[in-house]
Amino acid sequence: MNNDNQRSPRRTNRFWAKVAGIGLVAGLIGGGVAFSVGNAVQHHEEVASTRVPSGSNKSGGTQVNKNKADLNGKATKAYDSVQGAVVSVINKQKVQQGNGTLGIFGLYSNGGNSSNSSNSGKLQTASEGSGVIYKKDGKTAYIVTNNHVVKGSNALQVILSNGKKVDADLVGTDAATDLAVLKINAANVTTVAQFGNSNSIAAGQDVLAIGSPMGSEYANTVTKGIVSAKNRTLKAGTDGTLTSVIQTDAAINSRNSGGPLINMAGQVIGINSMKLSSDNEGSSIEGMGFAIPSNEVVSIINQLIKNGKIERPALGIGMVDLSNVTTDQQQSVLKLPSSVSKGVVIMQVADGSAAANAGLKQYDVITQLGNTKVTNTNTLKAALYKYKVGDSAKITYYRNGKQQTSTVHLTKVASDNNSQSTQQDDGQ
């Protein structure tokens, strides 16, 4: 009796637990069914709302609306004022011909020896570039372009903005700044560009680059950008001389060299010279173009017009970078203090030169010229070329471990046409 009474509550609990369990399962199943039905309804509505409508397509037409953009903005006005002065420059060179017949593999029939080849007198286009007409004087018009555009030419032609092709004569070149001046008959010249002051520019200001990227087929192409930096020091010339240039992100492509970089007033503030396309590791670079500042351009132009060449002061020394001298020799031969690690070592001094007259000797180490620190031969050239023949400059150097100064009178002339073959004796 007692045992039956004790079992009864247990049986009751089990019963209600089963009931609760069945109810829970039923609820879950019911909720799942409700959830599935809801999803199906939602999916049907979404499909219905995104289904491509059927019927006629007559209402799908459109029209060209009136242009609301300003077609006479600053950039357009600036371009229009200059583009007539921008030209394509064609470098023509003589074709090399051999005495034999040119074979299918490019070898001469006389055994493949092309040493007997000679100039045929026939001219062909070797390269193209850009330029800008900056002056018209009577029947003559003058063009500035890059030295590397005209280098090695046997003849030059210019394609004007109207497409007319005319012959051009070379007035003069300067390898250090990569500039050249040409002249043409002015009969078809209608527009002349003006130079602005490149000292009065600011990083961030809008600029346009105009030229013939990829050749005359794309003549008068204009790209827009900003002045990225006012004063960068790079090897702009073909002789390794460092010079100050304007950096811009306006696209400057192959054969754009020699074209103008202009401000929004249509003034030429630089002559486009080069761009960086990759770094030392081969990584691609975009938006880094460089132009020779207009103030430098005008100075070089005027000297080329007057003399046909550029005459610069020279120290009259042979030299080598201090970095090329071993640490042992820097101490044992040059007797330099450990704090001096950059400069230029004088290897020889020409008799009667500016350096000789200033008392400079072999193995002196130049560390400064004027206010410019000298770290290598390129920085010495750049510092020296800021002076004119007849100027005087303070030069700082080390001799037997002691720092000394002297005044050098820059009376010796170095002609751009007399480039030297080695760094050891470069006419400085």
Protein backbone atom coordinates (compact mmCIF):
# COMPACT_ATOMS: atom_id res chain seq x y z
CA MET A 1 0.00 0.00 0.00
CA ASN A 2 2.68 2.34 1.00
CA ASN A 3 4.76 1.30 -1.99
CA ASP A 4 1.87 2.07 -4.37
CA ASN A 5 1.44 5.49 -2.83
CA GLN A 6 5.13 6.25 -3.27
CA ARG A 7 5.17 5.21 -6.96
CA SER A 8 2.11 7.21 -7.87
CA PRO A 9 3.77 10.67 -7.69
CA ARG A 10 6.72 9.43 -9.75
CA ARG A 11 4.40 8.11 -12.46
CA THR A 12 2.55 11.40 -12.44
CA ASN A 13 5.77 13.38 -12.92
CA ARG A 14 6.86 11.17 -15.79
CA PHE A 15 3.51 11.64 -17.45
CA TRP A 16 3.64 15.43 -17.35
CA ALA A 17 7.28 15.41 -18.51
CA LYS A 18 6.22 13.43 -21.59
CA VAL A 19 3.38 15.83 -22.23
CA ALA A 20 5.73 18.81 -21.94
CA GLY A 21 8.26 17.19 -24.24
CA ILE A 22 5.65 16.42 -26.88
CA GLY A 23 4.39 20.00 -26.66
CA LEU A 24 7.88 21.40 -27.09
CA VAL A 25 8.58 19.29 -30.17
CA ALA A 26 5.26 20.23 -31.65
CA GLY A 27 5.99 23.90 -31.03
CA LEU A 28 9.36 23.66 -32.72
CA ILE A 29 7.89 21.87 -35.70
CA GLY A 30 5.06 24.36 -35.92
CA GLY A 31 7.48 27.30 -35.70
CA GLY A 32 9.65 25.79 -38.43
CA VAL A 33 6.67 25.40 -40.67
CA ALA A 34 5.63 28.97 -40.03
CA PHE A 35 9.20 30.21 -40.70
CA SER A 36 9.41 28.26 -43.99
CA VAL A 37 6.07 29.56 -45.19
CA GLY A 38 7.14 33.12 -44.37
CA ASN A 39 10.37 32.75 -46.35
CA ALA A 40 8.54 31.33 -49.34
CA VAL A 41 6.13 34.28 -49.39
CA GLN A 42 8.99 36.79 -49.13
CA HIS A 43 10.95 35.05 -51.94
CA HIS A 44 7.90 35.12 -54.19
CA GLU A 45 7.41 38.83 -53.60
CA GLU A 46 11.10 39.56 -54.36
CA VAL A 47 11.00 37.56 -57.61
CA ALA A 48 7.84 39.32 -58.67
CA SER A 49 9.31 42.76 -57.96
CA THR A 50 12.56 42.14 -59.96
CA ARG A 51 11.04 40.30 -62.94
CA VAL A 52 11.76 42.05 -66.30
CA PRO A 53 8.49 43.68 -67.41
CA SER A 54 6.95 42.49 -70.63
CA GLY A 55 5.46 44.75 -73.26
CA SER A 56 6.59 47.44 -75.71
CA ASN A 57 10.06 49.10 -75.60
CA LYS A 58 8.92 52.37 -77.17
CA SER A 59 9.32 54.26 -73.92
CA GLY A 60 13.05 53.33 -73.65
CA GLY A 61 14.34 56.06 -75.96
CA THR A 62 16.26 59.14 -74.72
CA GLN A 63 17.68 62.43 -75.98
CA VAL A 64 20.77 64.66 -75.82
CA ASN A 65 20.22 67.51 -73.37
CA LYS A 66 21.70 70.97 -73.45
CA ASN A 67 25.21 70.94 -71.95
CA LYS A 68 25.20 72.71 -68.60
CA ALA A 69 28.99 72.54 -68.14
CA ASP A 70 31.06 75.69 -68.61
CA LEU A 71 32.92 75.24 -71.90
CA ASN A 72 34.92 78.40 -71.41
CA GLY A 73 36.55 77.73 -68.07
CA LYS A 74 40.05 78.76 -67.03
CA ALA A 75 41.70 75.59 -68.33
CA THR A 76 40.01 75.86 -71.73
CA LYS A 77 40.91 79.55 -72.07
CA ALA A 78 44.52 78.85 -71.09
CA TYR A 79 44.80 76.00 -73.61
CA ASP A 80 43.21 78.01 -76.42
CA SER A 81 45.63 80.89 -75.87
CA VAL A 82 48.72 78.67 -76.26
CA GLN A 83 47.90 75.61 -78.35
CA GLY A 84 48.54 77.45 -81.62
CA ALA A 85 52.17 77.93 -80.57
CA VAL A 86 52.79 74.27 -79.70
CA VAL A 87 54.55 72.22 -82.39
CA SER A 88 55.83 68.73 -83.08
CA VAL A 89 59.60 68.45 -83.70
CA ILE A 90 60.86 65.72 -86.05
CA ASN A 91 64.47 64.54 -85.77
CA LYS A 92 65.71 63.21 -89.13
CA GLN A 93 68.92 61.22 -89.47
CA LYS A 94 70.77 59.63 -92.35
CA VAL A 95 70.08 56.01 -93.21
CA GLN A 96 73.05 53.65 -92.86
CA GLN A 97 73.53 51.48 -95.97
CA GLY A 98 75.96 48.67 -96.66
CA ASN A 99 77.69 47.70 -99.90
CA GLY A 100 75.92 44.35 -99.96
CA THR A 101 72.29 43.38 -100.13
CA LEU A 102 70.25 43.30 -96.96
CA GLY A 103 69.30 39.69 -96.31
CA ILE A 104 66.19 38.23 -94.81
CA PHE A 105 67.74 38.14 -91.35
CA GLY A 106 69.11 41.67 -91.51
CA LEU A 107 72.61 40.51 -92.52
CA TYR A 108 74.56 41.81 -95.47
CA SER A 109 75.17 39.39 -98.36
CA ASN A 110 78.91 40.13 -98.25
CA GLY A 111 79.30 37.71 -95.34
CA GLY A 112 77.30 39.68 -92.81
CA ASN A 113 80.01 42.32 -92.41
CA SER A 114 78.34 45.73 -92.21
CA SER A 115 81.58 47.59 -91.43
CA ASN A 116 81.58 48.83 -95.03
CA SER A 117 78.23 50.55 -94.50
CA SER A 118 78.01 54.27 -95.20
CA ASN A 119 75.53 57.11 -95.08
CA SER A 120 73.26 56.93 -98.11
CA GLY A 121 72.26 60.57 -97.78
CA LYS A 122 68.65 59.51 -97.42
CA LEU A 123 66.97 60.89 -94.31
CA GLN A 124 64.45 59.10 -92.16
CA THR A 125 62.60 60.04 -88.98
CA ALA A 126 64.66 58.93 -85.99
CA SER A 127 62.52 60.43 -83.24
CA GLU A 128 59.85 62.99 -82.46
CA GLY A 129 59.21 65.46 -79.68
CA SER A 130 57.39 68.67 -78.88
CA GLY A 131 58.26 72.35 -78.77
CA VAL A 132 56.72 75.79 -78.36
CA ILE A 133 57.08 78.96 -80.45
CA TYR A 134 58.08 81.75 -78.10
CA LYS A 135 59.04 84.60 -80.46
CA LYS A 136 58.30 85.94 -83.93
CA ASP A 137 60.72 88.49 -85.37
CA GLY A 138 60.02 89.55 -88.94
CA LYS A 139 60.25 86.49 -91.17
CA THR A 140 61.77 84.31 -88.44
CA ALA A 141 60.09 82.47 -85.58
CA TYR A 142 61.94 80.80 -82.69
CA ILE A 143 61.11 77.54 -80.93
CA VAL A 144 62.37 76.09 -77.66
CA THR A 145 62.49 72.32 -77.17
CA ASN A 146 64.64 69.71 -75.41
CA ASN A 147 68.24 68.97 -76.36
CA HIS A 148 67.55 65.23 -76.33
CA VAL A 149 64.77 65.75 -78.90
CA VAL A 150 67.19 67.16 -81.51
CA LYS A 151 70.35 65.28 -80.50
CA GLY A 152 72.10 63.52 -83.39
CA SER A 153 69.90 65.09 -86.06
CA ASN A 154 71.03 65.63 -89.65
CA ALA A 155 67.92 67.68 -90.37
CA LEU A 156 64.94 68.99 -88.44
CA GLN A 157 61.31 69.55 -89.35
CA VAL A 158 58.48 71.14 -87.41
CA ILE A 159 54.77 70.40 -87.70
CA LEU A 160 52.75 73.49 -86.82
CA SER A 161 49.42 73.35 -84.98
CA ASN A 162 47.57 73.65 -88.31
CA GLY A 163 49.32 70.51 -89.58
CA LYS A 164 51.71 72.28 -91.97
CA LYS A 165 55.24 70.82 -92.02
CA VAL A 166 58.21 73.22 -92.33
CA ASP A 167 62.00 72.88 -92.18
CA ALA A 168 63.86 74.09 -89.09
CA ASP A 169 67.44 75.14 -88.35
CA LEU A 170 69.23 74.46 -85.08
CA VAL A 171 70.35 77.67 -83.33
CA GLY A 172 72.05 76.07 -80.33
CA THR A 173 71.80 73.41 -77.62
CA ASP A 174 72.68 72.99 -73.95
CA ALA A 175 73.16 69.45 -72.64
CA ALA A 176 73.33 70.54 -68.98
CA THR A 177 69.77 71.89 -68.94
CA ASP A 178 68.48 69.74 -71.81
CA LEU A 179 67.35 72.75 -73.85
CA ALA A 180 67.62 73.65 -77.54
CA VAL A 181 66.51 76.54 -79.73
CA LEU A 182 65.30 76.19 -83.34
CA LYS A 183 64.21 78.73 -85.93
CA ILE A 184 61.71 78.48 -88.76
CA ASN A 185 60.12 80.67 -91.39
CA ALA A 186 57.40 82.69 -89.66
CA ALA A 187 55.03 82.82 -92.66
CA ASN A 188 52.56 80.37 -91.11
CA VAL A 189 53.05 81.33 -87.46
CA THR A 190 49.96 82.93 -85.91
CA THR A 191 50.46 82.35 -82.17
CA VAL A 192 53.41 83.01 -79.88
CA ALA A 193 53.59 81.82 -76.27
CA GLN A 194 54.66 84.01 -73.36
CA PHE A 195 56.79 83.00 -70.38
CA GLY A 196 55.58 83.49 -66.82
CA ASN A 197 57.74 83.82 -63.71
CA SER A 198 58.54 80.32 -62.43
CA ASN A 199 59.57 81.78 -59.09
CA SER A 200 55.94 82.84 -58.58
CA ILE A 201 54.32 79.42 -58.52
CA ALA A 202 52.90 77.39 -55.65
CA ALA A 203 52.49 73.70 -54.92
CA GLY A 204 48.90 72.74 -55.58
CA GLN A 205 48.17 75.26 -58.33
CA ASP A 206 46.56 73.99 -61.53
CA VAL A 207 48.74 73.52 -64.62
CA LEU A 208 48.37 72.13 -68.14
CA ALA A 209 50.91 70.13 -70.14
CA ILE A 210 50.62 70.39 -73.93
CA GLY A 211 52.49 68.41 -76.56
CA SER A 212 52.55 65.43 -78.88
CA PRO A 213 52.61 62.32 -76.70
CA MET A 214 53.47 59.23 -78.76
CA GLY A 215 54.18 61.45 -81.77
CA SER A 216 52.55 63.97 -84.10
CA GLU A 217 49.51 61.70 -84.50
CA TYR A 218 48.44 62.99 -81.08
CA ALA A 219 49.59 66.59 -81.56
CA ASN A 220 48.24 69.29 -79.24
CA THR A 221 47.19 66.82 -76.56
CA VAL A 222 46.50 68.59 -73.27
CA THR A 223 46.62 67.03 -69.80
CA LYS A 224 45.76 68.72 -66.53
CA GLY A 225 47.41 68.46 -63.13
CA ILE A 226 48.95 70.51 -60.37
CA VAL A 227 52.38 71.70 -59.35
CA SER A 228 53.45 68.86 -57.05
CA ALA A 229 56.66 70.58 -55.92
CA LYS A 230 58.34 73.84 -56.91
CA ASN A 231 61.95 72.79 -56.67
CA ARG A 232 63.27 69.28 -57.16
CA THR A 233 66.92 68.54 -57.93
CA LEU A 234 67.38 65.94 -60.67
CA LYS A 235 69.67 65.09 -63.57
CA ALA A 236 67.56 66.80 -66.21
CA GLY A 237 70.39 67.17 -68.72
CA THR A 238 72.21 64.56 -70.76
CA ASP A 239 75.60 65.25 -69.15
CA GLY A 240 74.63 64.19 -65.61
CA THR A 241 74.47 67.72 -64.23
CA LEU A 242 71.96 68.24 -61.44
CA THR A 243 69.44 71.00 -62.03
CA SER A 244 66.30 72.36 -60.38
CA VAL A 245 63.00 71.29 -61.96
CA ILE A 246 59.27 71.67 -61.35
CA GLN A 247 57.44 68.47 -60.40
CA THR A 248 53.90 67.96 -61.73
CA ASP A 249 51.34 65.19 -61.89
CA ALA A 250 50.06 66.37 -65.29
CA ALA A 251 50.64 63.40 -67.61
CA ILE A 252 53.92 63.72 -69.54
CA ASN A 253 54.37 60.82 -71.93
CA SER A 254 56.93 59.76 -74.50
CA ARG A 255 57.53 62.50 -77.14
CA ASN A 256 55.81 65.09 -74.94
CA SER A 257 59.30 66.36 -74.18
CA GLY A 258 59.88 69.97 -75.15
CA GLY A 259 56.23 70.99 -74.85
CA PRO A 260 55.07 73.74 -72.49
CA LEU A 261 53.80 73.48 -68.92
CA ILE A 262 51.41 76.43 -68.54
CA ASN A 263 49.47 78.09 -65.73
CA MET A 264 45.79 78.98 -65.89
CA ALA A 265 46.66 82.37 -67.38
CA GLY A 266 48.16 80.62 -70.39
CA GLN A 267 51.75 81.53 -69.49
CA VAL A 268 54.59 79.04 -69.95
CA ILE A 269 56.11 78.30 -66.54
CA GLY A 270 58.20 75.33 -67.63
CA ILE A 271 59.36 73.14 -70.52
CA ASN A 272 58.39 69.50 -70.03
CA SER A 273 61.50 67.34 -69.96
CA MET A 274 60.96 63.93 -68.41
CA LYS A 275 58.98 61.67 -66.11
CA LEU A 276 59.71 58.86 -63.67
CA SER A 277 58.02 55.63 -64.69
CA SER A 278 59.62 53.26 -62.14
CA ASP A 279 61.84 53.29 -59.09
CA ASN A 280 65.17 51.53 -58.57
CA GLU A 281 63.36 48.31 -57.69
CA GLY A 282 61.27 48.36 -60.86
CA SER A 283 57.99 49.33 -59.20
CA SER A 284 55.69 51.35 -61.46
CA ILE A 285 55.32 55.08 -60.71
CA GLU A 286 52.51 57.32 -61.92
CA GLY A 287 52.08 61.08 -61.85
CA MET A 288 55.70 62.18 -61.52
CA GLY A 289 56.66 64.47 -64.39
CA PHE A 290 59.24 67.24 -64.44
CA ALA A 291 59.64 70.53 -66.27
CA ILE A 292 62.56 72.95 -66.58
CA PRO A 293 61.54 76.23 -64.87
CA SER A 294 60.74 79.10 -67.26
CA ASN A 295 63.24 81.48 -65.62
CA GLU A 296 66.04 79.02 -66.37
CA VAL A 297 64.66 78.45 -69.87
CA VAL A 298 64.66 82.17 -70.69
CA SER A 299 68.23 82.58 -69.43
CA ILE A 300 69.48 79.67 -71.56
CA ILE A 301 67.50 80.80 -74.63
CA ASN A 302 69.00 84.28 -74.53
CA GLN A 303 72.54 82.90 -74.29
CA LEU A 304 71.95 80.44 -77.14
CA ILE A 305 70.52 83.20 -79.33
CA LYS A 306 73.51 85.40 -78.59
CA ASN A 307 76.36 82.87 -78.72
CA GLY A 308 74.93 79.64 -80.11
CA LYS A 309 76.28 77.84 -77.04
CA ILE A 310 76.45 78.17 -73.26
CA GLU A 311 79.62 79.30 -71.59
CA ARG A 312 79.90 78.44 -67.92
CA PRO A 313 82.56 79.05 -65.28
CA ALA A 314 85.00 76.22 -64.57
CA LEU A 315 87.39 75.51 -61.73
CA GLY A 316 89.86 73.74 -63.99
CA ILE A 317 90.22 70.56 -61.97
CA GLY A 318 90.02 66.80 -62.38
CA MET A 319 88.00 65.30 -59.57
CA VAL A 320 86.43 62.20 -58.07
CA ASP A 321 83.69 61.63 -55.51
CA LEU A 322 84.98 61.14 -51.99
CA SER A 323 82.65 58.13 -51.70
CA ASN A 324 84.84 56.36 -54.27
CA VAL A 325 87.89 56.63 -52.00
CA THR A 326 88.37 53.85 -49.44
CA THR A 327 88.10 54.66 -45.76
CA ASP A 328 91.77 53.75 -45.27
CA GLN A 329 92.86 56.17 -48.00
CA GLN A 330 90.61 58.89 -46.66
CA GLN A 331 92.57 58.73 -43.43
CA SER A 332 96.08 57.79 -44.61
CA VAL A 333 96.30 59.90 -47.80
CA LEU A 334 93.72 62.63 -47.39
CA LYS A 335 94.01 62.70 -43.58
CA LEU A 336 90.33 63.54 -43.23
CA PRO A 337 88.59 63.58 -39.87
CA SER A 338 85.97 60.86 -39.46
CA SER A 339 83.21 63.47 -39.50
CA VAL A 340 83.86 64.21 -43.21
CA SER A 341 82.32 61.52 -45.39
CA LYS A 342 81.04 63.46 -48.42
CA GLY A 343 82.72 65.81 -50.83
CA VAL A 344 84.87 65.98 -53.97
CA VAL A 345 88.57 65.09 -54.11
CA ILE A 346 90.77 67.19 -56.41
CA MET A 347 92.91 64.80 -58.45
CA GLN A 348 94.63 67.38 -60.63
CA VAL A 349 94.71 71.16 -61.09
CA ALA A 350 95.25 72.83 -64.47
CA ASP A 351 97.95 75.49 -64.63
CA GLY A 352 96.54 78.99 -64.67
CA SER A 353 93.02 77.78 -63.85
CA ALA A 354 90.61 79.40 -61.41
CA ALA A 355 91.38 76.66 -58.87
CA ALA A 356 95.15 77.12 -59.24
CA ASN A 357 94.83 80.86 -58.76
CA ALA A 358 92.78 80.24 -55.61
CA GLY A 359 95.56 78.06 -54.18
CA LEU A 360 93.77 74.71 -54.47
CA LYS A 361 96.00 71.64 -54.75
CA GLN A 362 95.85 67.94 -55.49
CA TYR A 363 94.07 65.89 -52.80
CA ASP A 364 92.21 68.88 -51.39
CA VAL A 365 88.63 67.82 -50.56
CA ILE A 366 85.95 70.36 -51.51
CA THR A 367 82.95 70.32 -49.18
CA GLN A 368 81.19 73.60 -49.99
CA LEU A 369 80.94 76.20 -52.75
CA GLY A 370 79.25 79.44 -51.79
CA ASN A 371 76.25 78.48 -49.65
CA THR A 372 75.87 75.04 -51.22
CA LYS A 373 77.23 71.92 -49.56
CA VAL A 374 79.16 69.72 -51.97
CA THR A 375 78.48 65.98 -51.61
CA ASN A 376 79.64 64.76 -55.02
CA THR A 377 80.69 65.95 -58.48
CA ASN A 378 77.09 66.56 -59.57
CA THR A 379 76.31 68.86 -56.66
CA LEU A 380 79.57 70.73 -57.30
CA LYS A 381 78.57 71.26 -60.93
CA ALA A 382 75.09 72.40 -59.93
CA ALA A 383 76.55 74.88 -57.42
CA LEU A 384 79.17 76.12 -59.89
CA TYR A 385 76.66 76.64 -62.71
CA LYS A 386 74.70 79.08 -60.57
CA TYR A 387 77.53 81.54 -61.10
CA LYS A 388 78.51 83.47 -64.20
CA VAL A 389 81.92 83.91 -65.72
CA GLY A 390 83.62 86.72 -63.82
CA ASP A 391 81.87 86.02 -60.50
CA SER A 392 83.73 85.18 -57.30
CA ALA A 393 82.76 82.47 -54.86
CA LYS A 394 83.89 81.24 -51.46
CA ILE A 395 85.11 77.65 -51.54
CA THR A 396 85.53 75.43 -48.46
CA TYR A 397 87.88 72.45 -48.51
CA TYR A 398 90.00 70.16 -46.32
CA ARG A 399 93.78 69.90 -46.63
CA ASN A 400 95.75 67.53 -44.40
CA GLY A 401 92.76 67.21 -42.10
CA LYS A 402 92.21 70.92 -41.58
CA GLN A 403 89.29 72.93 -42.94
CA GLN A 404 90.26 75.93 -45.03
CA THR A 405 88.50 78.54 -47.17
CA SER A 406 89.52 80.51 -50.22
CA THR A 407 87.95 82.82 -52.78
CA VAL A 408 87.89 81.56 -56.34
CA HIS A 409 87.52 84.01 -59.24
CA LEU A 410 85.53 82.25 -61.94
CA THR A 411 87.19 83.55 -65.06
CA LYS A 412 87.94 80.29 -66.81
CA VAL A 413 85.27 79.34 -69.35
CA ALA A 414 83.88 75.86 -69.98
CA SER A 415 81.96 75.49 -73.23
CA ASP A 416 79.01 73.14 -73.44
CA ASN A 417 80.39 71.96 -76.78
CA ASN A 418 83.57 70.65 -75.14
CA SER A 419 82.26 67.82 -73.00
CA GLN A 420 84.83 65.49 -71.47
CA SER A 421 84.79 61.73 -71.53
CA THR A 422 85.61 60.90 -67.91
CA GLN A 423 84.66 62.07 -64.48
CA GLN A 424 88.31 62.27 -63.51
CA ASP A 425 88.90 65.16 -65.89
CA ASP A 426 85.63 66.94 -66.58
CA GLY A 427 86.76 70.50 -67.05
CA GLN A 428 85.52 71.67 -63.69
